[in-house]
Each structure stands twice: as structure tokens, then as C-alpha cells.
Amino acid sequence: MQRKAYATGIAALLAALLAGCTSGSSGGDDISDKNADTSTSTVAAQPGKYRTLPEACGAVSHDTLDSLLPGIAQITDEEQRAKAYAGDATLTYDTDRKVGCHWKIESTDATDRLSVDFERVVSYDNAVSDDSEAQTIYTRLEAAADIPESASPSPAESASPSDSVSGSPSASASASVSTSASPAGSGDPSSSDSGSASASPSTTPSGLQPRTLSDLGDEAYLDDQLSGSGSTAEQRTVTVVFRTSNVVVTIVYEEQPMATGTVPDSKEMQDRAQNLAAQLAEALNG
């Protein structure tokens, strides 16, 4: 009788232990389900519009290169001219993220340089979109260039860039200072001889100083700087940077005249650079 009672007690104990294990397992499932629901509540930021980049050396048409680099028209050898049009690609290890191309052309009047760079920005933070990361990079570039804020478009910005680009490609990119210093009359050929400039040749004319640009990508700015003076020819560098979605485009256009004391025309160079920027923005959106 004692052995039978002992066996019955053991069976009861095992049944109680099994019931407890089953109850604990059920509770664990409930907790894991709640954790799973919490982890799926975070939504990743949207990726950028662009997944690839254009081929940089092929992004600029021959007609545009003729305008920005007048020396190309002076190259008589067809093979050398074709090589000049082709440009030199920037060394890069990931053409889906960053590409660029540069050209250097010497003419009887000046040495012109052009570089075009595309950067496709990708955010590695799920909480930050590609567009936001690209905007951060653009803002950093604008701040480094010390571009003042523009409340409204300047006279040079409101004029069509193509107005000064439509001239003969073989024309010298070094125009008279009196033309560059009077943006209000530079659009009228009859006003080109209407007196000397009041601005110093070593300064950027009023209305053409570094500024933000409207109607170019999501945001854009233009910088215009002169370097060299005295016994050396002054080199003008015009830079246009714009962002469209998660791509940042940088254009650097430089000219150094052969003749000492000659100053490259600010408006002409700015118009050419802006015209190229508008073409690249249109191609990206296309």
C-alpha cells in the first residue's frame, strides 16, 4: 500500500511540472510576438531618385565645348581635335557613385579649362534619406564657398545664358573690361563702346558676384573668382554647383589669357557655365 501511494505521488508531481513548462513556453511566445511587432514599426527613409550616373566625358556636347573652349576650333588636325573633344576621365573606382571629366585647350588668346563632376549620394543611415544626405553635402560646399544669400535673382541670372553663348565659337573668351563691368548694357551690342567701366578690372562686376541661383535643380550656387595680378595674366574661375535629388553636380570653368593685363569677361564665362549646367540638369531629369 505504501509503494502504491508513493508511485501515485510521483505521477502527480510530474504532471504538475509538465503543466508549468507548457505555461512558461506559452508566455515566451507572447513576449517574442510583442518584440517582433515593435521592430517592424520603424520605416526606412526613401532611396534617392538616381541609381546610376551619366558618362561624364560624353555629357557635354561638341557645340557646348566649342563655346566654352574656343581653342578647339583652332585645331586643324582631325585626330587631335577628336582627342580634345573626348576629354580626360577622372580616375574613379565606382562609376555608379562618382564620375568626372576635364578638358584643357590652348588657343592664341587664352588657355581654357573645364571640369564636370557628378556625385551620386547614398545614405547609410536608414533614418536619413539619400536626398537629405545630398542636401547636407551641397550645403557644406556652399558654406565653404562663402556664398551670400540672394533674396531675388540678379540681373545676370534673369538673363538667358544662351544669349552670350550663341556667338561664334572661334571668338576669344577674353572680352573688354568695359563690357563685363556693365551687365545692364552687355546684352545690347550697340552699348559695348559706351564708355569705360567704373568697376576695377580685378573685381567681379556688380550683379555678377557669387550668389545662389534659382531655376537650376533643387538648389544651386555660382562662384566667380580672379587670381593673379600685376605682371601676370589674371585667371578667372567660374564654379557652378547644383543638386538635383541625390546627385550633386560641380562645374569648374577657368580661363587664363595669354596677354598680360587682360581680364577674362565675367558675364560671358558665367553665362557659358550656367548654360552647361542647365543642359546637364535637363539631361538628368530626362
Protein backbone atom coordinates (compact mmCIF):
# COMPACT_ATOMS: atom_id res chain seq x y z
CA MET A 1 0.00 0.00 0.00
CA GLN A 2 2.86 2.40 0.77
CA ARG A 3 4.57 1.62 -2.58
CA LYS A 4 1.32 2.33 -4.48
CA ALA A 5 0.86 5.68 -2.69
CA TYR A 6 4.49 6.63 -3.45
CA ALA A 7 4.02 5.92 -7.18
CA THR A 8 0.84 7.94 -7.22
CA GLY A 9 2.66 10.94 -5.66
CA ILE A 10 5.44 10.83 -8.26
CA ALA A 11 2.90 10.79 -11.11
CA ALA A 12 1.15 13.84 -9.65
CA LEU A 13 4.46 15.71 -9.33
CA LEU A 14 5.43 15.00 -12.97
CA ALA A 15 2.03 16.20 -14.18
CA ALA A 16 2.45 19.48 -12.28
CA LEU A 17 5.94 20.03 -13.73
CA LEU A 18 4.71 19.41 -17.29
CA ALA A 19 1.86 21.87 -16.82
CA GLY A 20 4.30 24.54 -15.59
CA CYS A 21 6.63 24.08 -18.59
CA THR A 22 3.72 24.37 -21.00
CA SER A 23 2.55 27.58 -19.34
CA GLY A 24 6.08 29.11 -19.42
CA SER A 25 6.51 28.26 -23.10
CA SER A 26 3.24 29.99 -23.96
CA GLY A 27 4.33 33.13 -22.10
CA GLY A 28 7.63 33.20 -24.02
CA ASP A 29 5.80 33.13 -27.34
CA ASP A 30 3.72 36.15 -26.31
CA ILE A 31 6.85 38.20 -25.48
CA SER A 32 8.58 37.36 -28.77
CA ASP A 33 5.49 38.35 -30.74
CA LYS A 34 5.42 41.72 -29.00
CA ASN A 35 9.09 42.29 -29.78
CA ALA A 36 8.50 41.40 -33.43
CA ASP A 37 5.68 43.93 -33.69
CA THR A 38 7.90 46.65 -32.22
CA SER A 39 10.82 46.02 -34.59
CA THR A 40 8.68 46.37 -37.71
CA SER A 41 7.27 49.76 -36.68
CA THR A 42 10.37 51.69 -37.96
CA VAL A 43 10.10 52.71 -41.64
CA ALA A 44 13.36 53.18 -43.60
CA ALA A 45 13.94 56.51 -45.39
CA GLN A 46 13.23 56.63 -49.11
CA PRO A 47 16.12 55.99 -51.53
CA GLY A 48 17.19 58.72 -53.97
CA LYS A 49 15.83 59.17 -57.46
CA TYR A 50 19.08 58.28 -59.21
CA ARG A 51 20.67 54.82 -59.14
CA THR A 52 23.33 55.45 -61.82
CA LEU A 53 25.32 58.35 -63.29
CA PRO A 54 25.88 59.51 -66.88
CA GLU A 55 29.18 59.06 -68.68
CA ALA A 56 30.84 62.36 -67.79
CA CYS A 57 33.02 62.88 -70.88
CA GLY A 58 30.03 62.26 -73.14
CA ALA A 59 27.68 64.50 -71.14
CA VAL A 60 28.91 67.72 -72.79
CA SER A 61 28.03 68.20 -76.47
CA HIS A 62 30.58 69.28 -79.09
CA ASP A 63 28.69 72.54 -79.69
CA THR A 64 28.89 73.39 -75.99
CA LEU A 65 32.60 72.54 -75.88
CA ASP A 66 33.14 74.81 -78.90
CA SER A 67 31.58 77.65 -76.89
CA LEU A 68 33.43 77.06 -73.62
CA LEU A 69 36.75 76.08 -75.21
CA PRO A 70 37.24 78.27 -78.31
CA GLY A 71 40.68 76.78 -78.96
CA ILE A 72 39.12 73.53 -80.19
CA ALA A 73 38.05 75.27 -83.40
CA GLN A 74 41.69 76.25 -84.00
CA ILE A 75 42.91 72.63 -84.01
CA THR A 76 43.42 71.72 -87.66
CA ASP A 77 44.41 68.08 -87.20
CA GLU A 78 41.20 65.99 -87.09
CA GLU A 79 42.68 63.31 -84.84
CA GLN A 80 43.93 65.88 -82.33
CA ARG A 81 40.59 67.70 -82.42
CA ALA A 82 38.71 64.45 -81.76
CA LYS A 83 41.01 63.77 -78.80
CA ALA A 84 40.35 67.29 -77.49
CA TYR A 85 36.58 66.75 -77.67
CA ALA A 86 36.90 63.39 -75.83
CA GLY A 87 38.42 64.95 -72.72
CA ASP A 88 40.11 63.03 -69.91
CA ALA A 89 38.02 60.98 -67.50
CA THR A 90 38.59 61.48 -63.77
CA LEU A 91 40.05 58.41 -62.05
CA THR A 92 37.30 56.75 -60.01
CA TYR A 93 36.76 53.31 -58.53
CA ASP A 94 32.96 53.32 -58.53
CA THR A 95 31.33 54.87 -61.59
CA ASP A 96 27.89 54.42 -60.03
CA ARG A 97 28.85 56.80 -57.24
CA LYS A 98 31.23 59.39 -58.73
CA VAL A 99 32.36 60.29 -62.25
CA GLY A 100 34.06 63.27 -63.83
CA CYS A 101 35.82 64.61 -66.91
CA HIS A 102 38.14 67.53 -67.64
CA TRP A 103 39.37 69.39 -70.71
CA LYS A 104 42.30 71.77 -71.26
CA ILE A 105 42.56 73.70 -74.52
CA GLU A 106 45.10 76.32 -75.52
CA SER A 107 44.32 78.94 -78.16
CA THR A 108 46.09 82.02 -79.48
CA ASP A 109 44.18 84.16 -76.97
CA ALA A 110 43.89 82.08 -73.81
CA THR A 111 44.12 78.74 -72.06
CA ASP A 112 40.70 77.37 -71.09
CA ARG A 113 39.96 74.55 -68.68
CA LEU A 114 36.67 72.81 -67.95
CA SER A 115 35.82 70.08 -65.45
CA VAL A 116 32.48 68.38 -64.82
CA ASP A 117 31.89 66.11 -61.82
CA PHE A 118 28.83 64.07 -60.82
CA GLU A 119 28.39 62.58 -57.36
CA ARG A 120 25.52 60.23 -56.52
CA VAL A 121 24.93 60.35 -52.79
CA VAL A 122 23.79 57.26 -50.88
CA SER A 123 22.89 57.44 -47.19
CA TYR A 124 23.95 54.57 -44.98
CA ASP A 125 21.59 55.68 -42.21
CA ASN A 126 18.12 54.16 -42.52
CA ALA A 127 16.68 57.23 -40.80
CA VAL A 128 18.25 59.65 -43.34
CA SER A 129 17.17 59.68 -46.99
CA ASP A 130 19.62 59.91 -49.89
CA ASP A 131 18.18 63.33 -50.79
CA SER A 132 18.76 64.64 -47.26
CA GLU A 133 22.34 63.38 -47.26
CA ALA A 134 22.93 65.03 -50.67
CA GLN A 135 21.46 68.27 -49.33
CA THR A 136 23.91 68.15 -46.42
CA ILE A 137 26.84 67.74 -48.81
CA TYR A 138 25.60 70.59 -51.02
CA THR A 139 25.13 72.90 -48.02
CA ARG A 140 28.68 72.15 -46.89
CA LEU A 141 30.04 73.09 -50.35
CA GLU A 142 28.03 76.32 -50.42
CA ALA A 143 29.22 77.28 -46.95
CA ALA A 144 32.85 76.58 -47.88
CA ALA A 145 32.49 78.86 -50.92
CA ASP A 146 31.09 81.60 -48.64
CA ILE A 147 28.15 82.28 -50.96
CA PRO A 148 25.87 85.09 -49.72
CA GLU A 149 22.13 84.50 -49.66
CA SER A 150 20.22 86.03 -52.57
CA ALA A 151 16.73 87.39 -51.93
CA SER A 152 15.97 87.65 -55.63
CA PRO A 153 17.63 86.74 -58.95
CA SER A 154 20.33 89.14 -60.08
CA PRO A 155 20.18 90.88 -63.49
CA ALA A 156 22.72 88.44 -64.88
CA GLU A 157 20.75 85.46 -63.55
CA SER A 158 17.46 86.62 -65.03
CA ALA A 159 19.01 86.92 -68.50
CA SER A 160 19.10 83.81 -70.66
CA PRO A 161 22.56 82.16 -70.53
CA SER A 162 22.21 81.22 -74.18
CA ASP A 163 22.24 84.89 -75.22
CA SER A 164 26.02 85.13 -74.96
CA VAL A 165 26.70 81.53 -75.95
CA SER A 166 25.15 81.84 -79.39
CA GLY A 167 28.11 83.78 -80.77
CA SER A 168 30.89 82.39 -82.95
CA PRO A 169 32.79 79.56 -81.18
CA SER A 170 36.05 80.95 -82.51
CA ALA A 171 35.56 84.29 -80.76
CA SER A 172 38.02 84.99 -77.96
CA ALA A 173 36.74 84.31 -74.43
CA SER A 174 38.65 87.39 -73.31
CA ALA A 175 36.35 90.36 -73.89
CA SER A 176 36.86 94.02 -72.98
CA VAL A 177 36.53 95.00 -69.33
CA SER A 178 34.04 97.74 -70.19
CA THR A 179 31.58 95.13 -71.45
CA SER A 180 31.88 92.87 -68.38
CA ALA A 181 31.54 95.70 -65.92
CA SER A 182 28.19 96.88 -67.29
CA PRO A 183 25.78 93.91 -67.20
CA ALA A 184 22.80 96.15 -67.96
CA GLY A 185 24.17 97.10 -71.36
CA SER A 186 26.09 93.94 -72.22
CA GLY A 187 23.08 92.36 -73.84
CA ASP A 188 22.90 95.22 -76.36
CA PRO A 189 25.73 95.13 -78.94
CA SER A 190 25.33 98.85 -79.58
CA SER A 191 26.25 99.66 -75.99
CA SER A 192 29.62 97.85 -75.97
CA ASP A 193 31.53 101.07 -76.79
CA SER A 194 29.56 103.36 -74.49
CA GLY A 195 32.34 104.47 -72.18
CA SER A 196 34.82 102.83 -69.85
CA ALA A 197 33.95 100.69 -66.86
CA SER A 198 33.68 102.24 -63.44
CA ALA A 199 34.47 98.95 -61.69
CA SER A 200 38.04 97.78 -61.14
CA PRO A 201 39.22 95.14 -63.67
CA SER A 202 40.29 92.96 -60.72
CA THR A 203 36.80 92.76 -59.23
CA THR A 204 33.67 90.94 -60.31
CA PRO A 205 31.14 93.45 -61.75
CA SER A 206 28.07 94.35 -59.72
CA GLY A 207 25.25 91.86 -60.21
CA LEU A 208 27.67 89.08 -61.15
CA GLN A 209 29.21 88.36 -57.76
CA PRO A 210 28.99 84.89 -56.14
CA ARG A 211 25.34 84.08 -55.44
CA THR A 212 22.71 81.38 -55.21
CA LEU A 213 20.84 80.52 -58.40
CA SER A 214 17.15 79.87 -58.99
CA ASP A 215 15.58 77.52 -61.53
CA LEU A 216 18.55 75.14 -61.53
CA GLY A 217 18.00 71.77 -59.91
CA ASP A 218 16.71 71.72 -56.33
CA GLU A 219 19.33 74.24 -55.21
CA ALA A 220 22.39 75.82 -56.82
CA TYR A 221 25.07 78.47 -56.48
CA LEU A 222 27.64 80.25 -58.66
CA ASP A 223 31.10 81.39 -57.59
CA ASP A 224 33.36 83.76 -59.58
CA GLN A 225 36.96 84.40 -58.56
CA LEU A 226 40.00 86.14 -60.06
CA SER A 227 43.58 85.16 -59.27
CA GLY A 228 46.90 86.72 -60.31
CA SER A 229 47.67 90.39 -60.88
CA GLY A 230 50.37 92.85 -61.86
CA SER A 231 52.86 91.30 -64.27
CA THR A 232 50.88 88.07 -64.73
CA ALA A 233 47.68 87.43 -66.65
CA GLU A 234 44.65 87.14 -64.39
CA GLN A 235 42.85 83.81 -64.34
CA ARG A 236 39.10 83.77 -63.81
CA THR A 237 37.44 80.71 -62.31
CA VAL A 238 33.67 80.30 -62.51
CA THR A 239 32.16 77.46 -60.48
CA VAL A 240 28.56 76.27 -60.67
CA VAL A 241 27.32 73.65 -58.21
CA PHE A 242 23.79 72.30 -58.18
CA ARG A 243 21.86 69.45 -56.60
CA THR A 244 19.00 67.52 -58.10
CA SER A 245 17.60 64.84 -55.79
CA ASN A 246 20.57 62.74 -54.62
CA VAL A 247 23.05 63.88 -57.29
CA VAL A 248 25.43 66.82 -56.82
CA VAL A 249 26.98 68.30 -59.98
CA THR A 250 30.06 70.56 -59.97
CA ILE A 251 31.22 72.58 -62.99
CA VAL A 252 34.55 74.46 -62.87
CA TYR A 253 35.34 76.74 -65.84
CA GLU A 254 38.70 78.52 -65.93
CA GLU A 255 40.34 80.92 -68.35
CA GLN A 256 43.79 82.50 -68.34
CA PRO A 257 44.52 84.98 -71.15
CA MET A 258 47.85 84.91 -72.95
CA ALA A 259 48.25 88.69 -72.83
CA THR A 260 49.30 90.32 -69.56
CA GLY A 261 46.74 92.75 -68.19
CA THR A 262 43.81 91.11 -69.97
CA VAL A 263 40.91 90.13 -67.72
CA PRO A 264 38.51 87.33 -68.78
CA ASP A 265 34.94 88.54 -69.23
CA SER A 266 32.88 87.65 -66.17
CA LYS A 267 29.41 87.70 -67.70
CA GLU A 268 30.45 85.72 -70.75
CA MET A 269 32.06 82.97 -68.67
CA GLN A 270 29.17 82.86 -66.21
CA ASP A 271 26.62 82.60 -68.99
CA ARG A 272 28.52 79.75 -70.63
CA ALA A 273 28.87 77.85 -67.34
CA GLN A 274 25.17 78.33 -66.49
CA ASN A 275 24.15 77.21 -69.95
CA LEU A 276 26.12 73.98 -69.49
CA ALA A 277 24.62 73.48 -66.03
CA ALA A 278 21.09 73.87 -67.43
CA GLN A 279 21.86 71.26 -70.11
CA LEU A 280 23.19 68.76 -67.57
CA ALA A 281 20.20 69.29 -65.26
CA GLU A 282 17.82 68.72 -68.16
CA ALA A 283 19.68 65.56 -69.19
CA LEU A 284 19.48 64.19 -65.63
CA ASN A 285 15.76 64.85 -65.43
CA GLY A 286 15.22 63.35 -68.86
